[in-house]
Amino acid sequence: MTAAIDASLITALVERWRPETSTFHMLLGEVTITLEDVATLSGLLIDGEAVIVDVPNQEWLATCIKLLGHAPTDLSGGVVRMSWLKEHFNNLPPNPSSEITGKFA
């Protein structure tokens, strides 16, 4: 199921965004996006230990392949796009093995 994008809602949020504080200024005060908000919207799990890897820029492609089994074609600056993650990892099989989910699952 794909959610419809509400253009008027997006416009209202853009108008209330304050980049200097990374918050939305609403009538009742400042509001920020939390990790829980991101998890709810993206469906990503937020519990457990963080996966942090210090990788030199020239090794990003090999590291993605090692950790994810795939690498995005448009990898730049160490940024992996959510759309790419969703495309490749949105539909895991029931009860996936640790080989599929990775050792940090």
PDB file of N, CA and C in Angstrom:
ATOM      1  N   MET A   1       0.836  -1.171   0.000  1.00  0.00           N
ATOM      2  CA  MET A   1       0.000   0.000   0.000  1.00  0.00           C
ATOM      3  C   MET A   1       0.885   1.240   0.000  1.00  0.00           C
ATOM      4  N   THR A   2       0.662   2.127  -0.923  1.00  0.00           N
ATOM      5  CA  THR A   2       1.417   3.358  -1.020  1.00  0.00           C
ATOM      6  C   THR A   2       0.571   4.512  -0.518  1.00  0.00           C
ATOM      7  N   ALA A   3       1.155   5.301   0.369  1.00  0.00           N
ATOM      8  CA  ALA A   3       0.434   6.452   0.912  1.00  0.00           C
ATOM      9  C   ALA A   3       0.446   7.592  -0.102  1.00  0.00           C
ATOM     10  N   ALA A   4      -0.664   8.303  -0.177  1.00  0.00           N
ATOM     11  CA  ALA A   4      -0.748   9.464  -1.064  1.00  0.00           C
ATOM     12  C   ALA A   4       0.013  10.625  -0.432  1.00  0.00           C
ATOM     13  N   ILE A   5       0.654  11.418  -1.245  1.00  0.00           N
ATOM     14  CA  ILE A   5       1.376  12.583  -0.749  1.00  0.00           C
ATOM     15  C   ILE A   5       0.426  13.771  -0.733  1.00  0.00           C
ATOM     16  N   ASP A   6       0.337  14.410   0.418  1.00  0.00           N
ATOM     17  CA  ASP A   6      -0.530  15.568   0.593  1.00  0.00           C
ATOM     18  C   ASP A   6       0.311  16.823   0.367  1.00  0.00           C
ATOM     19  N   ALA A   7       0.205  17.406  -0.825  1.00  0.00           N
ATOM     20  CA  ALA A   7       1.036  18.560  -1.194  1.00  0.00           C
ATOM     21  C   ALA A   7       0.812  19.747  -0.268  1.00  0.00           C
ATOM     22  N   SER A   8      -0.418  19.989   0.156  1.00  0.00           N
ATOM     23  CA  SER A   8      -0.680  21.134   1.032  1.00  0.00           C
ATOM     24  C   SER A   8      -0.044  20.924   2.408  1.00  0.00           C
ATOM     25  N   LEU A   9      -0.021  19.684   2.885  1.00  0.00           N
ATOM     26  CA  LEU A   9       0.629  19.395   4.160  1.00  0.00           C
ATOM     27  C   LEU A   9       2.135  19.604   4.051  1.00  0.00           C
ATOM     28  N   ILE A  10       2.729  19.122   2.970  1.00  0.00           N
ATOM     29  CA  ILE A  10       4.164  19.310   2.752  1.00  0.00           C
ATOM     30  C   ILE A  10       4.500  20.800   2.689  1.00  0.00           C
ATOM     31  N   THR A  11       3.687  21.571   1.980  1.00  0.00           N
ATOM     32  CA  THR A  11       3.907  23.019   1.869  1.00  0.00           C
ATOM     33  C   THR A  11       3.836  23.679   3.239  1.00  0.00           C
ATOM     34  N   ALA A  12       2.841  23.308   4.031  1.00  0.00           N
ATOM     35  CA  ALA A  12       2.695  23.883   5.373  1.00  0.00           C
ATOM     36  C   ALA A  12       3.909  23.556   6.243  1.00  0.00           C
ATOM     37  N   LEU A  13       4.402  22.326   6.158  1.00  0.00           N
ATOM     38  CA  LEU A  13       5.572  21.946   6.949  1.00  0.00           C
ATOM     39  C   LEU A  13       6.821  22.694   6.494  1.00  0.00           C
ATOM     40  N   VAL A  14       6.999  22.832   5.198  1.00  0.00           N
ATOM     41  CA  VAL A  14       8.158  23.562   4.667  1.00  0.00           C
ATOM     42  C   VAL A  14       8.144  25.009   5.158  1.00  0.00           C
ATOM     43  N   GLU A  15       6.965  25.626   5.167  1.00  0.00           N
ATOM     44  CA  GLU A  15       6.858  27.016   5.621  1.00  0.00           C
ATOM     45  C   GLU A  15       7.181  27.169   7.101  1.00  0.00           C
ATOM     46  N   ARG A  16       6.984  26.124   7.885  1.00  0.00           N
ATOM     47  CA  ARG A  16       7.211  26.207   9.333  1.00  0.00           C
ATOM     48  C   ARG A  16       8.583  25.675   9.769  1.00  0.00           C
ATOM     49  N   TRP A  17       9.376  25.168   8.823  1.00  0.00           N
ATOM     50  CA  TRP A  17      10.692  24.619   9.146  1.00  0.00           C
ATOM     51  C   TRP A  17      11.694  25.742   9.393  1.00  0.00           C
ATOM     52  N   ARG A  18      12.468  25.613  10.460  1.00  0.00           N
ATOM     53  CA  ARG A  18      13.517  26.567  10.791  1.00  0.00           C
ATOM     54  C   ARG A  18      14.853  25.831  10.790  1.00  0.00           C
ATOM     55  N   PRO A  19      15.640  25.980   9.705  1.00  0.00           N
ATOM     56  CA  PRO A  19      16.892  25.229   9.591  1.00  0.00           C
ATOM     57  C   PRO A  19      17.909  25.561  10.675  1.00  0.00           C
ATOM     58  N   GLU A  20      17.870  26.769  11.208  1.00  0.00           N
ATOM     59  CA  GLU A  20      18.850  27.134  12.234  1.00  0.00           C
ATOM     60  C   GLU A  20      18.667  26.346  13.528  1.00  0.00           C
ATOM     61  N   THR A  21      17.458  25.844  13.793  1.00  0.00           N
ATOM     62  CA  THR A  21      17.217  25.038  14.998  1.00  0.00           C
ATOM     63  C   THR A  21      16.786  23.608  14.667  1.00  0.00           C
ATOM     64  N   SER A  22      16.650  23.293  13.378  1.00  0.00           N
ATOM     65  CA  SER A  22      16.190  21.969  12.923  1.00  0.00           C
ATOM     66  C   SER A  22      14.867  21.584  13.575  1.00  0.00           C
ATOM     67  N   THR A  23      13.944  22.532  13.636  1.00  0.00           N
ATOM     68  CA  THR A  23      12.635  22.292  14.227  1.00  0.00           C
ATOM     69  C   THR A  23      11.549  22.912  13.358  1.00  0.00           C
ATOM     70  N   PHE A  24      10.332  22.434  13.567  1.00  0.00           N
ATOM     71  CA  PHE A  24       9.159  23.058  12.968  1.00  0.00           C
ATOM     72  C   PHE A  24       8.581  24.008  14.010  1.00  0.00           C
ATOM     73  N   HIS A  25       8.219  25.221  13.609  1.00  0.00           N
ATOM     74  CA  HIS A  25       7.589  26.172  14.527  1.00  0.00           C
ATOM     75  C   HIS A  25       6.089  26.119  14.311  1.00  0.00           C
ATOM     76  N   MET A  26       5.409  25.515  15.273  1.00  0.00           N
ATOM     77  CA  MET A  26       3.960  25.364  15.217  1.00  0.00           C
ATOM     78  C   MET A  26       3.306  26.369  16.159  1.00  0.00           C
ATOM     79  N   LEU A  27       1.989  26.458  16.106  1.00  0.00           N
ATOM     80  CA  LEU A  27       1.268  27.392  16.964  1.00  0.00           C
ATOM     81  C   LEU A  27       1.512  27.128  18.446  1.00  0.00           C
ATOM     82  N   LEU A  28       1.726  25.866  18.812  1.00  0.00           N
ATOM     83  CA  LEU A  28       1.922  25.513  20.217  1.00  0.00           C
ATOM     84  C   LEU A  28       3.387  25.466  20.635  1.00  0.00           C
ATOM     85  N   GLY A  29       4.307  25.753  19.746  1.00  0.00           N
ATOM     86  CA  GLY A  29       5.727  25.744  20.079  1.00  0.00           C
ATOM     87  C   GLY A  29       6.551  25.014  19.043  1.00  0.00           C
ATOM     88  N   GLU A  30       7.799  24.715  19.411  1.00  0.00           N
ATOM     89  CA  GLU A  30       8.704  24.027  18.502  1.00  0.00           C
ATOM     90  C   GLU A  30       8.470  22.521  18.526  1.00  0.00           C
ATOM     91  N   VAL A  31       8.613  21.914  17.367  1.00  0.00           N
ATOM     92  CA  VAL A  31       8.458  20.469  17.236  1.00  0.00           C
ATOM     93  C   VAL A  31       9.617  19.966  16.388  1.00  0.00           C
ATOM     94  N   THR A  32      10.186  18.838  16.777  1.00  0.00           N
ATOM     95  CA  THR A  32      11.267  18.251  15.992  1.00  0.00           C
ATOM     96  C   THR A  32      10.892  16.825  15.597  1.00  0.00           C
ATOM     97  N   ILE A  33      11.582  16.296  14.604  1.00  0.00           N
ATOM     98  CA  ILE A  33      11.361  14.918  14.166  1.00  0.00           C
ATOM     99  C   ILE A  33      12.275  14.030  14.991  1.00  0.00           C
ATOM    100  N   THR A  34      11.713  13.016  15.622  1.00  0.00           N
ATOM    101  CA  THR A  34      12.486  12.107  16.463  1.00  0.00           C
ATOM    102  C   THR A  34      12.836  10.834  15.709  1.00  0.00           C
ATOM    103  N   LEU A  35      13.718  10.064  16.294  1.00  0.00           N
ATOM    104  CA  LEU A  35      14.072   8.774  15.723  1.00  0.00           C
ATOM    105  C   LEU A  35      12.840   7.870  15.649  1.00  0.00           C
ATOM    106  N   GLU A  36      11.969   7.960  16.637  1.00  0.00           N
ATOM    107  CA  GLU A  36      10.741   7.168  16.628  1.00  0.00           C
ATOM    108  C   GLU A  36       9.835   7.570  15.454  1.00  0.00           C
ATOM    109  N   ASP A  37       9.791   8.862  15.141  1.00  0.00           N
ATOM    110  CA  ASP A  37       9.023   9.328  13.978  1.00  0.00           C
ATOM    111  C   ASP A  37       9.569   8.707  12.695  1.00  0.00           C
ATOM    112  N   VAL A  38      10.888   8.711  12.561  1.00  0.00           N
ATOM    113  CA  VAL A  38      11.523   8.128  11.374  1.00  0.00           C
ATOM    114  C   VAL A  38      11.208   6.642  11.288  1.00  0.00           C
ATOM    115  N   ALA A  39      11.265   5.936  12.428  1.00  0.00           N
ATOM    116  CA  ALA A  39      10.962   4.507  12.445  1.00  0.00           C
ATOM    117  C   ALA A  39       9.518   4.248  12.032  1.00  0.00           C
ATOM    118  N   THR A  40       8.611   5.061  12.519  1.00  0.00           N
ATOM    119  CA  THR A  40       7.196   4.892  12.178  1.00  0.00           C
ATOM    120  C   THR A  40       6.968   5.121  10.691  1.00  0.00           C
ATOM    121  N   LEU A  41       7.583   6.150  10.140  1.00  0.00           N
ATOM    122  CA  LEU A  41       7.384   6.483   8.725  1.00  0.00           C
ATOM    123  C   LEU A  41       8.102   5.529   7.783  1.00  0.00           C
ATOM    124  N   SER A  42       9.288   5.058   8.189  1.00  0.00           N
ATOM    125  CA  SER A  42      10.086   4.224   7.293  1.00  0.00           C
ATOM    126  C   SER A  42       9.905   2.730   7.522  1.00  0.00           C
ATOM    127  N   GLY A  43       9.422   2.360   8.725  1.00  0.00           N
ATOM    128  CA  GLY A  43       9.295   0.951   9.047  1.00  0.00           C
ATOM    129  C   GLY A  43      10.599   0.327   9.517  1.00  0.00           C
ATOM    130  N   LEU A  44      11.642   1.130   9.706  1.00  0.00           N
ATOM    131  CA  LEU A  44      12.926   0.604  10.167  1.00  0.00           C
ATOM    132  C   LEU A  44      12.887   0.376  11.672  1.00  0.00           C
ATOM    133  N   LEU A  45      13.607  -0.646  12.135  1.00  0.00           N
ATOM    134  CA  LEU A  45      13.710  -0.913  13.565  1.00  0.00           C
ATOM    135  C   LEU A  45      14.697   0.067  14.189  1.00  0.00           C
ATOM    136  N   ILE A  46      14.399   0.513  15.412  1.00  0.00           N
ATOM    137  CA  ILE A  46      15.294   1.457  16.080  1.00  0.00           C
ATOM    138  C   ILE A  46      15.824   0.916  17.398  1.00  0.00           C
ATOM    139  N   ASP A  47      15.476  -0.320  17.745  1.00  0.00           N
ATOM    140  CA  ASP A  47      15.995  -0.874  18.983  1.00  0.00           C
ATOM    141  C   ASP A  47      17.249  -1.683  18.685  1.00  0.00           C
ATOM    142  N   GLY A  48      18.051  -1.920  19.690  1.00  0.00           N
ATOM    143  CA  GLY A  48      19.303  -2.639  19.489  1.00  0.00           C
ATOM    144  C   GLY A  48      20.452  -1.663  19.358  1.00  0.00           C
ATOM    145  N   GLU A  49      21.617  -2.207  19.119  1.00  0.00           N
ATOM    146  CA  GLU A  49      22.817  -1.385  19.028  1.00  0.00           C
ATOM    147  C   GLU A  49      22.939  -0.746  17.643  1.00  0.00           C
ATOM    148  N   ALA A  50      23.494   0.452  17.626  1.00  0.00           N
ATOM    149  CA  ALA A  50      23.720   1.160  16.365  1.00  0.00           C
ATOM    150  C   ALA A  50      24.826   0.472  15.578  1.00  0.00           C
ATOM    151  N   VAL A  51      24.716   0.524  14.262  1.00  0.00           N
ATOM    152  CA  VAL A  51      25.763  -0.003  13.397  1.00  0.00           C
ATOM    153  C   VAL A  51      26.546   1.190  12.886  1.00  0.00           C
ATOM    154  N   ILE A  52      27.776   1.307  13.368  1.00  0.00           N
ATOM    155  CA  ILE A  52      28.624   2.437  12.993  1.00  0.00           C
ATOM    156  C   ILE A  52      29.902   1.868  12.409  1.00  0.00           C
ATOM    157  N   VAL A  53      30.230   2.303  11.221  1.00  0.00           N
ATOM    158  CA  VAL A  53      31.428   1.814  10.560  1.00  0.00           C
ATOM    159  C   VAL A  53      32.209   3.011  10.055  1.00  0.00           C
ATOM    160  N   ASP A  54      33.477   3.107  10.437  1.00  0.00           N
ATOM    161  CA  ASP A  54      34.345   4.169   9.945  1.00  0.00           C
ATOM    162  C   ASP A  54      35.052   3.637   8.707  1.00  0.00           C
ATOM    163  N   VAL A  55      34.677   4.172   7.561  1.00  0.00           N
ATOM    164  CA  VAL A  55      35.176   3.645   6.295  1.00  0.00           C
ATOM    165  C   VAL A  55      35.753   4.779   5.458  1.00  0.00           C
ATOM    166  N   PRO A  56      36.974   4.620   4.955  1.00  0.00           N
ATOM    167  CA  PRO A  56      37.509   5.635   4.033  1.00  0.00           C
ATOM    168  C   PRO A  56      36.610   5.745   2.794  1.00  0.00           C
ATOM    169  N   ASN A  57      36.506   6.922   2.227  1.00  0.00           N
ATOM    170  CA  ASN A  57      35.602   7.169   1.098  1.00  0.00           C
ATOM    171  C   ASN A  57      35.762   6.174  -0.039  1.00  0.00           C
ATOM    172  N   GLN A  58      36.986   5.811  -0.378  1.00  0.00           N
ATOM    173  CA  GLN A  58      37.207   4.925  -1.519  1.00  0.00           C
ATOM    174  C   GLN A  58      36.756   3.490  -1.252  1.00  0.00           C
ATOM    175  N   GLU A  59      36.445   3.152   0.009  1.00  0.00           N
ATOM    176  CA  GLU A  59      36.045   1.782   0.336  1.00  0.00           C
ATOM    177  C   GLU A  59      34.544   1.632   0.587  1.00  0.00           C
ATOM    178  N   TRP A  60      33.749   2.688   0.346  1.00  0.00           N
ATOM    179  CA  TRP A  60      32.305   2.625   0.629  1.00  0.00           C
ATOM    180  C   TRP A  60      31.606   1.524  -0.164  1.00  0.00           C
ATOM    181  N   LEU A  61      31.918   1.404  -1.434  1.00  0.00           N
ATOM    182  CA  LEU A  61      31.262   0.414  -2.285  1.00  0.00           C
ATOM    183  C   LEU A  61      31.506  -0.997  -1.757  1.00  0.00           C
ATOM    184  N   ALA A  62      32.757  -1.329  -1.465  1.00  0.00           N
ATOM    185  CA  ALA A  62      33.095  -2.663  -0.953  1.00  0.00           C
ATOM    186  C   ALA A  62      32.447  -2.902   0.410  1.00  0.00           C
ATOM    187  N   THR A  63      32.372  -1.872   1.235  1.00  0.00           N
ATOM    188  CA  THR A  63      31.754  -2.016   2.559  1.00  0.00           C
ATOM    189  C   THR A  63      30.259  -2.272   2.437  1.00  0.00           C
ATOM    190  N   CYS A  64      29.585  -1.569   1.528  1.00  0.00           N
ATOM    191  CA  CYS A  64      28.156  -1.825   1.301  1.00  0.00           C
ATOM    192  C   CYS A  64      27.925  -3.261   0.861  1.00  0.00           C
ATOM    193  N   ILE A  65      28.740  -3.736  -0.040  1.00  0.00           N
ATOM    194  CA  ILE A  65      28.595  -5.113  -0.519  1.00  0.00           C
ATOM    195  C   ILE A  65      28.847  -6.090   0.624  1.00  0.00           C
ATOM    196  N   LYS A  66      29.862  -5.828   1.450  1.00  0.00           N
ATOM    197  CA  LYS A  66      30.188  -6.713   2.571  1.00  0.00           C
ATOM    198  C   LYS A  66      29.052  -6.745   3.597  1.00  0.00           C
ATOM    199  N   LEU A  67      28.511  -5.582   3.960  1.00  0.00           N
ATOM    200  CA  LEU A  67      27.500  -5.514   5.009  1.00  0.00           C
ATOM    201  C   LEU A  67      26.075  -5.780   4.515  1.00  0.00           C
ATOM    202  N   LEU A  68      25.775  -5.370   3.282  1.00  0.00           N
ATOM    203  CA  LEU A  68      24.404  -5.466   2.783  1.00  0.00           C
ATOM    204  C   LEU A  68      24.210  -6.510   1.691  1.00  0.00           C
ATOM    205  N   GLY A  69      25.307  -6.930   1.069  1.00  0.00           N
ATOM    206  CA  GLY A  69      25.191  -7.885  -0.023  1.00  0.00           C
ATOM    207  C   GLY A  69      24.923  -7.222  -1.360  1.00  0.00           C
ATOM    208  N   HIS A  70      24.695  -5.938  -1.356  1.00  0.00           N
ATOM    209  CA  HIS A  70      24.449  -5.136  -2.559  1.00  0.00           C
ATOM    210  C   HIS A  70      25.101  -3.780  -2.349  1.00  0.00           C
ATOM    211  N   ALA A  71      25.249  -3.041  -3.430  1.00  0.00           N
ATOM    212  CA  ALA A  71      25.734  -1.662  -3.317  1.00  0.00           C
ATOM    213  C   ALA A  71      24.942  -0.786  -4.267  1.00  0.00           C
ATOM    214  N   PRO A  72      24.542   0.393  -3.817  1.00  0.00           N
ATOM    215  CA  PRO A  72      23.813   1.294  -4.702  1.00  0.00           C
ATOM    216  C   PRO A  72      24.714   1.790  -5.824  1.00  0.00           C
ATOM    217  N   THR A  73      24.106   2.033  -6.966  1.00  0.00           N
ATOM    218  CA  THR A  73      24.880   2.514  -8.110  1.00  0.00           C
ATOM    219  C   THR A  73      25.201   3.995  -7.986  1.00  0.00           C
ATOM    220  N   ASP A  74      24.406   4.726  -7.201  1.00  0.00           N
ATOM    221  CA  ASP A  74      24.622   6.170  -7.060  1.00  0.00           C
ATOM    222  C   ASP A  74      25.164   6.539  -5.681  1.00  0.00           C
ATOM    223  N   LEU A  75      26.045   5.707  -5.144  1.00  0.00           N
ATOM    224  CA  LEU A  75      26.628   5.946  -3.827  1.00  0.00           C
ATOM    225  C   LEU A  75      27.601   7.122  -3.924  1.00  0.00           C
ATOM    226  N   SER A  76      27.320   8.193  -3.185  1.00  0.00           N
ATOM    227  CA  SER A  76      28.243   9.324  -3.171  1.00  0.00           C
ATOM    228  C   SER A  76      28.297   9.907  -1.771  1.00  0.00           C
ATOM    229  N   GLY A  77      29.488  10.166  -1.297  1.00  0.00           N
ATOM    230  CA  GLY A  77      29.669  10.739   0.018  1.00  0.00           C
ATOM    231  C   GLY A  77      29.218   9.844   1.150  1.00  0.00           C
ATOM    232  N   GLY A  78      29.157   8.545   0.918  1.00  0.00           N
ATOM    233  CA  GLY A  78      28.757   7.632   1.972  1.00  0.00           C
ATOM    234  C   GLY A  78      27.278   7.661   2.281  1.00  0.00           C
ATOM    235  N   VAL A  79      26.475   8.178   1.370  1.00  0.00           N
ATOM    236  CA  VAL A  79      25.030   8.276   1.600  1.00  0.00           C
ATOM    237  C   VAL A  79      24.318   7.154   0.853  1.00  0.00           C
ATOM    238  N   VAL A  80      23.553   6.360   1.596  1.00  0.00           N
ATOM    239  CA  VAL A  80      22.718   5.322   0.991  1.00  0.00           C
ATOM    240  C   VAL A  80      21.282   5.826   1.072  1.00  0.00           C
ATOM    241  N   ARG A  81      20.635   5.973  -0.054  1.00  0.00           N
ATOM    242  CA  ARG A  81      19.280   6.529  -0.099  1.00  0.00           C
ATOM    243  C   ARG A  81      18.253   5.539   0.450  1.00  0.00           C
ATOM    244  N   MET A  82      17.277   6.093   1.180  1.00  0.00           N
ATOM    245  CA  MET A  82      16.197   5.271   1.733  1.00  0.00           C
ATOM    246  C   MET A  82      15.457   4.535   0.622  1.00  0.00           C
ATOM    247  N   SER A  83      15.272   5.174  -0.527  1.00  0.00           N
ATOM    248  CA  SER A  83      14.560   4.528  -1.634  1.00  0.00           C
ATOM    249  C   SER A  83      15.305   3.274  -2.092  1.00  0.00           C
ATOM    250  N   TRP A  84      16.639   3.326  -2.083  1.00  0.00           N
ATOM    251  CA  TRP A  84      17.425   2.157  -2.474  1.00  0.00           C
ATOM    252  C   TRP A  84      17.279   1.052  -1.426  1.00  0.00           C
ATOM    253  N   LEU A  85      17.363   1.421  -0.136  1.00  0.00           N
ATOM    254  CA  LEU A  85      17.185   0.423   0.926  1.00  0.00           C
ATOM    255  C   LEU A  85      15.813  -0.232   0.841  1.00  0.00           C
ATOM    256  N   LYS A  86      14.784   0.581   0.618  1.00  0.00           N
ATOM    257  CA  LYS A  86      13.422   0.046   0.532  1.00  0.00           C
ATOM    258  C   LYS A  86      13.282  -0.893  -0.670  1.00  0.00           C
ATOM    259  N   GLU A  87      13.865  -0.498  -1.785  1.00  0.00           N
ATOM    260  CA  GLU A  87      13.790  -1.323  -3.001  1.00  0.00           C
ATOM    261  C   GLU A  87      14.429  -2.693  -2.807  1.00  0.00           C
ATOM    262  N   HIS A  88      15.546  -2.742  -2.076  1.00  0.00           N
ATOM    263  CA  HIS A  88      16.289  -3.993  -1.934  1.00  0.00           C
ATOM    264  C   HIS A  88      15.969  -4.792  -0.674  1.00  0.00           C
ATOM    265  N   PHE A  89      15.427  -4.146   0.354  1.00  0.00           N
ATOM    266  CA  PHE A  89      15.253  -4.839   1.626  1.00  0.00           C
ATOM    267  C   PHE A  89      13.848  -4.722   2.200  1.00  0.00           C
ATOM    268  N   ASN A  90      12.894  -4.251   1.431  1.00  0.00           N
ATOM    269  CA  ASN A  90      11.542  -4.049   1.938  1.00  0.00           C
ATOM    270  C   ASN A  90      10.801  -5.363   2.161  1.00  0.00           C
ATOM    271  N   ASN A  91      11.048  -6.362   1.346  1.00  0.00           N
ATOM    272  CA  ASN A  91      10.300  -7.618   1.414  1.00  0.00           C
ATOM    273  C   ASN A  91      11.217  -8.789   1.753  1.00  0.00           C
ATOM    274  N   LEU A  92      11.526  -8.933   3.041  1.00  0.00           N
ATOM    275  CA  LEU A  92      12.322 -10.074   3.466  1.00  0.00           C
ATOM    276  C   LEU A  92      11.418 -11.296   3.587  1.00  0.00           C
ATOM    277  N   PRO A  93      11.975 -12.485   3.386  1.00  0.00           N
ATOM    278  CA  PRO A  93      11.169 -13.691   3.540  1.00  0.00           C
ATOM    279  C   PRO A  93      10.774 -13.888   5.003  1.00  0.00           C
ATOM    280  N   PRO A  94       9.744 -14.699   5.280  1.00  0.00           N
ATOM    281  CA  PRO A  94       9.388 -14.988   6.673  1.00  0.00           C
ATOM    282  C   PRO A  94      10.566 -15.665   7.375  1.00  0.00           C
ATOM    283  N   ASN A  95      10.824 -15.283   8.614  1.00  0.00           N
ATOM    284  CA  ASN A  95      11.920 -15.849   9.404  1.00  0.00           C
ATOM    285  C   ASN A  95      13.252 -15.867   8.651  1.00  0.00           C
ATOM    286  N   PRO A  96      13.736 -14.702   8.221  1.00  0.00           N
ATOM    287  CA  PRO A  96      14.997 -14.677   7.461  1.00  0.00           C
ATOM    288  C   PRO A  96      16.169 -15.101   8.327  1.00  0.00           C
ATOM    289  N   SER A  97      17.154 -15.724   7.691  1.00  0.00           N
ATOM    290  CA  SER A  97      18.353 -16.159   8.410  1.00  0.00           C
ATOM    291  C   SER A  97      19.213 -14.946   8.731  1.00  0.00           C
ATOM    292  N   SER A  98      20.186 -15.152   9.636  1.00  0.00           N
ATOM    293  CA  SER A  98      21.093 -14.050   9.972  1.00  0.00           C
ATOM    294  C   SER A  98      21.943 -13.685   8.758  1.00  0.00           C
ATOM    295  N   GLU A  99      22.120 -14.603   7.835  1.00  0.00           N
ATOM    296  CA  GLU A  99      22.857 -14.297   6.604  1.00  0.00           C
ATOM    297  C   GLU A  99      22.109 -13.257   5.783  1.00  0.00           C
ATOM    298  N   ILE A 100      20.786 -13.336   5.791  1.00  0.00           N
ATOM    299  CA  ILE A 100      19.968 -12.377   5.046  1.00  0.00           C
ATOM    300  C   ILE A 100      19.839 -11.062   5.797  1.00  0.00           C
ATOM    301  N   THR A 101      19.560 -11.119   7.081  1.00  0.00           N
ATOM    302  CA  THR A 101      19.330  -9.900   7.848  1.00  0.00           C
ATOM    303  C   THR A 101      20.615  -9.230   8.285  1.00  0.00           C
ATOM    304  N   GLY A 102      21.725  -9.930   8.250  1.00  0.00           N
ATOM    305  CA  GLY A 102      22.991  -9.377   8.685  1.00  0.00           C
ATOM    306  C   GLY A 102      23.260  -9.706  10.139  1.00  0.00           C
ATOM    307  N   LYS A 103      24.491  -9.624  10.520  1.00  0.00           N
ATOM    308  CA  LYS A 103      24.861 -10.022  11.872  1.00  0.00           C
ATOM    309  C   LYS A 103      24.401  -9.038  12.932  1.00  0.00           C
ATOM    310  N   PHE A 104      23.887  -7.850  12.530  1.00  0.00           N
ATOM    311  CA  PHE A 104      23.449  -6.858  13.495  1.00  0.00           C
ATOM    312  C   PHE A 104      21.932  -6.879  13.690  1.00  0.00           C
ATOM    313  N   ALA A 105      21.235  -7.798  13.061  1.00  0.00           N
ATOM    314  CA  ALA A 105      19.769  -7.841  13.161  1.00  0.00           C
ATOM    315  C   ALA A 105      19.328  -8.276  14.523  1.00  0.00           C
TER     316      ALA A 105
END
